[in-house]
Amino acid sequence: MNMGRLSDVLVGAAGDVAGTVVDPRAGLGRLRAAASASGMLTLTAGLLLGYLAARSRWRG
């Protein structure tokens, strides 16, 4: 994956989340439209890795 593209996606997602706070109905519609299978897989993998990293630090 192109790292420049990844930063664009992250900035766009942050903007969509901020828009959801301001206008929940329109923001959720944009988030649903922007969600793709690969994006959801990346998000899920990131959350899982973050959880495992935090858990290993907590026990350490």
PDB file of N, CA and C in Angstrom:
ATOM      1  N   MET A   1       0.847  -1.182   0.000  1.00  0.00           N
ATOM      2  CA  MET A   1       0.000   0.000   0.000  1.00  0.00           C
ATOM      3  C   MET A   1       0.887   1.237   0.000  1.00  0.00           C
ATOM      4  N   ASN A   2       0.525   2.201  -0.771  1.00  0.00           N
ATOM      5  CA  ASN A   2       1.255   3.457  -0.860  1.00  0.00           C
ATOM      6  C   ASN A   2       1.048   4.246   0.435  1.00  0.00           C
ATOM      7  N   MET A   3       2.139   4.643   1.080  1.00  0.00           N
ATOM      8  CA  MET A   3       2.032   5.341   2.369  1.00  0.00           C
ATOM      9  C   MET A   3       1.387   6.713   2.224  1.00  0.00           C
ATOM     10  N   GLY A   4       1.557   7.376   1.088  1.00  0.00           N
ATOM     11  CA  GLY A   4       0.885   8.653   0.857  1.00  0.00           C
ATOM     12  C   GLY A   4      -0.622   8.476   0.822  1.00  0.00           C
ATOM     13  N   ARG A   5      -1.062   7.407   0.219  1.00  0.00           N
ATOM     14  CA  ARG A   5      -2.491   7.099   0.143  1.00  0.00           C
ATOM     15  C   ARG A   5      -3.042   6.775   1.529  1.00  0.00           C
ATOM     16  N   LEU A   6      -2.253   6.063   2.333  1.00  0.00           N
ATOM     17  CA  LEU A   6      -2.684   5.717   3.679  1.00  0.00           C
ATOM     18  C   LEU A   6      -2.923   6.970   4.517  1.00  0.00           C
ATOM     19  N   SER A   7      -2.035   7.942   4.406  1.00  0.00           N
ATOM     20  CA  SER A   7      -2.224   9.171   5.183  1.00  0.00           C
ATOM     21  C   SER A   7      -3.458   9.920   4.712  1.00  0.00           C
ATOM     22  N   ASP A   8      -3.745   9.896   3.397  1.00  0.00           N
ATOM     23  CA  ASP A   8      -4.959  10.527   2.889  1.00  0.00           C
ATOM     24  C   ASP A   8      -6.206   9.850   3.452  1.00  0.00           C
ATOM     25  N   VAL A   9      -6.168   8.538   3.513  1.00  0.00           N
ATOM     26  CA  VAL A   9      -7.309   7.788   4.042  1.00  0.00           C
ATOM     27  C   VAL A   9      -7.511   8.100   5.516  1.00  0.00           C
ATOM     28  N   LEU A  10      -6.420   8.160   6.276  1.00  0.00           N
ATOM     29  CA  LEU A  10      -6.527   8.452   7.710  1.00  0.00           C
ATOM     30  C   LEU A  10      -7.064   9.851   7.969  1.00  0.00           C
ATOM     31  N   VAL A  11      -6.590  10.812   7.199  1.00  0.00           N
ATOM     32  CA  VAL A  11      -7.076  12.189   7.365  1.00  0.00           C
ATOM     33  C   VAL A  11      -8.551  12.276   6.987  1.00  0.00           C
ATOM     34  N   GLY A  12      -8.930  11.596   5.929  1.00  0.00           N
ATOM     35  CA  GLY A  12     -10.335  11.579   5.522  1.00  0.00           C
ATOM     36  C   GLY A  12     -11.222  10.931   6.565  1.00  0.00           C
ATOM     37  N   ALA A  13     -10.749   9.838   7.158  1.00  0.00           N
ATOM     38  CA  ALA A  13     -11.523   9.167   8.202  1.00  0.00           C
ATOM     39  C   ALA A  13     -11.655  10.050   9.437  1.00  0.00           C
ATOM     40  N   ALA A  14     -10.581  10.754   9.794  1.00  0.00           N
ATOM     41  CA  ALA A  14     -10.650  11.664  10.946  1.00  0.00           C
ATOM     42  C   ALA A  14     -11.655  12.784  10.679  1.00  0.00           C
ATOM     43  N   GLY A  15     -11.689  13.276   9.456  1.00  0.00           N
ATOM     44  CA  GLY A  15     -12.661  14.301   9.089  1.00  0.00           C
ATOM     45  C   GLY A  15     -14.079  13.780   9.155  1.00  0.00           C
ATOM     46  N   ASP A  16     -14.283  12.542   8.718  1.00  0.00           N
ATOM     47  CA  ASP A  16     -15.615  11.947   8.792  1.00  0.00           C
ATOM     48  C   ASP A  16     -16.063  11.757  10.239  1.00  0.00           C
ATOM     49  N   VAL A  17     -15.140  11.361  11.099  1.00  0.00           N
ATOM     50  CA  VAL A  17     -15.475  11.203  12.519  1.00  0.00           C
ATOM     51  C   VAL A  17     -15.828  12.554  13.129  1.00  0.00           C
ATOM     52  N   ALA A  18     -15.072  13.597  12.800  1.00  0.00           N
ATOM     53  CA  ALA A  18     -15.366  14.938  13.316  1.00  0.00           C
ATOM     54  C   ALA A  18     -16.719  15.414  12.789  1.00  0.00           C
ATOM     55  N   GLY A  19     -17.024  15.109  11.549  1.00  0.00           N
ATOM     56  CA  GLY A  19     -18.323  15.471  10.987  1.00  0.00           C
ATOM     57  C   GLY A  19     -19.461  14.740  11.668  1.00  0.00           C
ATOM     58  N   THR A  20     -19.209  13.521  12.115  1.00  0.00           N
ATOM     59  CA  THR A  20     -20.231  12.750  12.819  1.00  0.00           C
ATOM     60  C   THR A  20     -20.580  13.402  14.148  1.00  0.00           C
ATOM     61  N   VAL A  21     -19.599  14.010  14.798  1.00  0.00           N
ATOM     62  CA  VAL A  21     -19.859  14.689  16.069  1.00  0.00           C
ATOM     63  C   VAL A  21     -20.756  15.900  15.845  1.00  0.00           C
ATOM     64  N   VAL A  22     -20.514  16.619  14.756  1.00  0.00           N
ATOM     65  CA  VAL A  22     -21.284  17.823  14.473  1.00  0.00           C
ATOM     66  C   VAL A  22     -22.685  17.486  13.969  1.00  0.00           C
ATOM     67  N   ASP A  23     -22.786  16.566  13.008  1.00  0.00           N
ATOM     68  CA  ASP A  23     -24.071  16.177  12.421  1.00  0.00           C
ATOM     69  C   ASP A  23     -24.130  14.658  12.357  1.00  0.00           C
ATOM     70  N   PRO A  24     -24.638  14.007  13.410  1.00  0.00           N
ATOM     71  CA  PRO A  24     -24.575  12.549  13.491  1.00  0.00           C
ATOM     72  C   PRO A  24     -25.238  11.825  12.321  1.00  0.00           C
ATOM     73  N   ARG A  25     -26.376  12.279  11.866  1.00  0.00           N
ATOM     74  CA  ARG A  25     -27.083  11.566  10.798  1.00  0.00           C
ATOM     75  C   ARG A  25     -26.274  11.575   9.498  1.00  0.00           C
ATOM     76  N   ALA A  26     -25.808  12.725   9.080  1.00  0.00           N
ATOM     77  CA  ALA A  26     -25.023  12.822   7.843  1.00  0.00           C
ATOM     78  C   ALA A  26     -23.655  12.167   8.006  1.00  0.00           C
ATOM     79  N   GLY A  27     -23.060  12.313   9.165  1.00  0.00           N
ATOM     80  CA  GLY A  27     -21.744  11.746   9.404  1.00  0.00           C
ATOM     81  C   GLY A  27     -21.743  10.232   9.365  1.00  0.00           C
ATOM     82  N   LEU A  28     -22.751   9.619   9.963  1.00  0.00           N
ATOM     83  CA  LEU A  28     -22.828   8.158   9.935  1.00  0.00           C
ATOM     84  C   LEU A  28     -23.064   7.650   8.521  1.00  0.00           C
ATOM     85  N   GLY A  29     -23.832   8.387   7.749  1.00  0.00           N
ATOM     86  CA  GLY A  29     -24.029   7.999   6.350  1.00  0.00           C
ATOM     87  C   GLY A  29     -22.732   8.045   5.565  1.00  0.00           C
ATOM     88  N   ARG A  30     -21.923   9.074   5.794  1.00  0.00           N
ATOM     89  CA  ARG A  30     -20.620   9.163   5.125  1.00  0.00           C
ATOM     90  C   ARG A  30     -19.665   8.065   5.576  1.00  0.00           C
ATOM     91  N   LEU A  31     -19.692   7.750   6.872  1.00  0.00           N
ATOM     92  CA  LEU A  31     -18.820   6.692   7.369  1.00  0.00           C
ATOM     93  C   LEU A  31     -19.208   5.334   6.778  1.00  0.00           C
ATOM     94  N   ARG A  32     -20.510   5.081   6.669  1.00  0.00           N
ATOM     95  CA  ARG A  32     -20.950   3.826   6.066  1.00  0.00           C
ATOM     96  C   ARG A  32     -20.563   3.745   4.608  1.00  0.00           C
ATOM     97  N   ALA A  33     -20.683   4.845   3.911  1.00  0.00           N
ATOM     98  CA  ALA A  33     -20.337   4.860   2.486  1.00  0.00           C
ATOM     99  C   ALA A  33     -18.833   4.690   2.275  1.00  0.00           C
ATOM    100  N   ALA A  34     -18.033   5.218   3.181  1.00  0.00           N
ATOM    101  CA  ALA A  34     -16.585   5.157   3.038  1.00  0.00           C
ATOM    102  C   ALA A  34     -16.005   3.822   3.497  1.00  0.00           C
ATOM    103  N   ALA A  35     -16.759   3.081   4.299  1.00  0.00           N
ATOM    104  CA  ALA A  35     -16.254   1.819   4.832  1.00  0.00           C
ATOM    105  C   ALA A  35     -16.165   0.785   3.713  1.00  0.00           C
ATOM    106  N   SER A  36     -14.998   0.215   3.579  1.00  0.00           N
ATOM    107  CA  SER A  36     -14.801  -0.856   2.607  1.00  0.00           C
ATOM    108  C   SER A  36     -14.336  -2.098   3.356  1.00  0.00           C
ATOM    109  N   ALA A  37     -14.355  -3.212   2.683  1.00  0.00           N
ATOM    110  CA  ALA A  37     -13.947  -4.458   3.329  1.00  0.00           C
ATOM    111  C   ALA A  37     -12.480  -4.390   3.754  1.00  0.00           C
ATOM    112  N   SER A  38     -11.618  -3.857   2.882  1.00  0.00           N
ATOM    113  CA  SER A  38     -10.197  -3.781   3.248  1.00  0.00           C
ATOM    114  C   SER A  38      -9.970  -2.776   4.368  1.00  0.00           C
ATOM    115  N   GLY A  39     -10.717  -1.685   4.364  1.00  0.00           N
ATOM    116  CA  GLY A  39     -10.590  -0.707   5.436  1.00  0.00           C
ATOM    117  C   GLY A  39     -11.038  -1.266   6.773  1.00  0.00           C
ATOM    118  N   MET A  40     -12.118  -2.003   6.760  1.00  0.00           N
ATOM    119  CA  MET A  40     -12.599  -2.608   8.003  1.00  0.00           C
ATOM    120  C   MET A  40     -11.642  -3.682   8.495  1.00  0.00           C
ATOM    121  N   LEU A  41     -11.047  -4.428   7.566  1.00  0.00           N
ATOM    122  CA  LEU A  41     -10.065  -5.440   7.940  1.00  0.00           C
ATOM    123  C   LEU A  41      -8.834  -4.782   8.556  1.00  0.00           C
ATOM    124  N   THR A  42      -8.378  -3.685   7.975  1.00  0.00           N
ATOM    125  CA  THR A  42      -7.226  -2.954   8.503  1.00  0.00           C
ATOM    126  C   THR A  42      -7.532  -2.399   9.891  1.00  0.00           C
ATOM    127  N   LEU A  43      -8.705  -1.832  10.062  1.00  0.00           N
ATOM    128  CA  LEU A  43      -9.102  -1.290  11.359  1.00  0.00           C
ATOM    129  C   LEU A  43      -9.174  -2.393  12.407  1.00  0.00           C
ATOM    130  N   THR A  44      -9.774  -3.516  12.057  1.00  0.00           N
ATOM    131  CA  THR A  44      -9.892  -4.631  12.993  1.00  0.00           C
ATOM    132  C   THR A  44      -8.517  -5.173  13.376  1.00  0.00           C
ATOM    133  N   ALA A  45      -7.640  -5.317  12.392  1.00  0.00           N
ATOM    134  CA  ALA A  45      -6.290  -5.812  12.672  1.00  0.00           C
ATOM    135  C   ALA A  45      -5.537  -4.831  13.569  1.00  0.00           C
ATOM    136  N   GLY A  46      -5.682  -3.542  13.320  1.00  0.00           N
ATOM    137  CA  GLY A  46      -5.027  -2.532  14.151  1.00  0.00           C
ATOM    138  C   GLY A  46      -5.523  -2.550  15.584  1.00  0.00           C
ATOM    139  N   LEU A  47      -6.837  -2.685  15.748  1.00  0.00           N
ATOM    140  CA  LEU A  47      -7.394  -2.752  17.097  1.00  0.00           C
ATOM    141  C   LEU A  47      -6.913  -3.999  17.831  1.00  0.00           C
ATOM    142  N   LEU A  48      -6.862  -5.123  17.124  1.00  0.00           N
ATOM    143  CA  LEU A  48      -6.402  -6.364  17.743  1.00  0.00           C
ATOM    144  C   LEU A  48      -4.931  -6.265  18.145  1.00  0.00           C
ATOM    145  N   LEU A  49      -4.100  -5.733  17.264  1.00  0.00           N
ATOM    146  CA  LEU A  49      -2.680  -5.582  17.590  1.00  0.00           C
ATOM    147  C   LEU A  49      -2.473  -4.614  18.752  1.00  0.00           C
ATOM    148  N   GLY A  50      -3.232  -3.531  18.771  1.00  0.00           N
ATOM    149  CA  GLY A  50      -3.141  -2.585  19.879  1.00  0.00           C
ATOM    150  C   GLY A  50      -3.553  -3.209  21.203  1.00  0.00           C
ATOM    151  N   TYR A  51      -4.606  -4.013  21.157  1.00  0.00           N
ATOM    152  CA  TYR A  51      -5.062  -4.705  22.358  1.00  0.00           C
ATOM    153  C   TYR A  51      -3.997  -5.663  22.871  1.00  0.00           C
ATOM    154  N   LEU A  52      -3.437  -6.454  21.958  1.00  0.00           N
ATOM    155  CA  LEU A  52      -2.415  -7.417  22.363  1.00  0.00           C
ATOM    156  C   LEU A  52      -1.162  -6.726  22.904  1.00  0.00           C
ATOM    157  N   ALA A  53      -0.771  -5.612  22.289  1.00  0.00           N
ATOM    158  CA  ALA A  53       0.401  -4.872  22.768  1.00  0.00           C
ATOM    159  C   ALA A  53       0.138  -4.304  24.163  1.00  0.00           C
ATOM    160  N   ALA A  54      -1.030  -3.741  24.368  1.00  0.00           N
ATOM    161  CA  ALA A  54      -1.366  -3.179  25.684  1.00  0.00           C
ATOM    162  C   ALA A  54      -1.451  -4.273  26.733  1.00  0.00           C
ATOM    163  N   ARG A  55      -1.993  -5.416  26.355  1.00  0.00           N
ATOM    164  CA  ARG A  55      -2.118  -6.521  27.294  1.00  0.00           C
ATOM    165  C   ARG A  55      -0.742  -7.052  27.708  1.00  0.00           C
ATOM    166  N   SER A  56       0.181  -7.141  26.748  1.00  0.00           N
ATOM    167  CA  SER A  56       1.505  -7.652  27.086  1.00  0.00           C
ATOM    168  C   SER A  56       2.259  -6.663  27.973  1.00  0.00           C
ATOM    169  N   ARG A  57       2.053  -5.375  27.771  1.00  0.00           N
ATOM    170  CA  ARG A  57       2.697  -4.368  28.637  1.00  0.00           C
ATOM    171  C   ARG A  57       2.110  -4.397  30.042  1.00  0.00           C
ATOM    172  N   TRP A  58       0.816  -4.645  30.140  1.00  0.00           N
ATOM    173  CA  TRP A  58       0.151  -4.659  31.433  1.00  0.00           C
ATOM    174  C   TRP A  58       0.667  -5.804  32.293  1.00  0.00           C
ATOM    175  N   ARG A  59       0.888  -6.957  31.684  1.00  0.00           N
ATOM    176  CA  ARG A  59       1.373  -8.126  32.417  1.00  0.00           C
ATOM    177  C   ARG A  59       2.865  -8.030  32.733  1.00  0.00           C
ATOM    178  N   GLY A  60       3.603  -7.260  31.892  1.00  0.00           N
ATOM    179  CA  GLY A  60       5.056  -7.207  32.002  1.00  0.00           C
ATOM    180  C   GLY A  60       5.503  -6.502  33.206  1.00  0.00           C
TER     181      GLY A  60
END
